[in-house]
Amino acid sequence: MDEAWIRAVVALPFGLAVGSFMTVAVSRLPEGGSVIRPRSRCPSCGAEIGARDNVPVLSWLLLRGRCRRCGERISVEYPLLEVATAGVVVLAAIRFPDPWQAVLVAGLLALMPGIALIDLRHRIIPNRLTYPALLLFLPVVLLAWGIGDAADPVRAGLGLLLYGGVLFIVAAISGGMGMGDVKLAAVIGLVLGSLGLRFVGVAAAAAIVLGGLGAIVALAMGRGRKSAIPFGPYLAVGAVVAGLWGEPLAAWYIGRFL
């Protein structure tokens, strides 16, 4: 078996596990709930979901999307979020042969589908996701630098300051951007900056282009200019684009326009 596919097979269960955790985060964090207690329950009857019915994706398929106890439907959102999270984790494992870089990028991208969904639904990006992410990724960057020189903490700091700092200025001046977006940009800048500032540039460019297109579509659909359009999903998609294809996109841009 090709080495990249071996990495993908190893990464898959981790991606599904993180995806399962993110389904809990999406449903509880916006309401101030805990992601630890209580255990997962049916949203209709409140019955506790046992271990055999809590296997990512597989349990939902075997139960045909219904609660074992009451028979009510369980939203397809749950397996879709698990699949999306696992997908970006697997792609990161394939994309980066270096294990430290794969862990950094996969860890970052695993947060993006859930964060995008929360922001779309509630117009917030919870501090209880961004703060722990910052605290977790920083030591990983330092370890990757100290053990194998797979990441650069100086560039990581620059990426955090540049991406987060620019959005902080935009938020302070315009008032149309929340601090949650700023903190998410700081997390993205930290992780992608540790690989190279070109990754941060691609993430920012992709977010701006996609955000602009989203605004045009929203206006075309009749939404007013003052309607709140969450920017978190565009930041998340930009991070995925940069994390997986940052190098070739940066090389293409430099070769074509510079």
Foldseek 3Di string as FASTA:
>chain_A
DDPLVVLLVVLLQVQLVLLLLLVLCLVAVVVPHDSPPDADADPPPRHHDDPVCSRAPPNCVVLVQADPPPRHGHDPVSNVSSVQSSVLLSLLSSQDVDPLLSCLLSVLLSCLVSQLSSCVVPVARDPVPLVVLVVVNLVSLVCCCVPPNQFDQVQLQVQLCVQLVVVVVVCVVVVLADNRQSSSSSSLRNSLSRNPCLLSVQLVVQLVVVVVVVLVVCVVVPDDPPDRDRSSNSSSVSSSCSSNPSVVVSVVCVVPPD
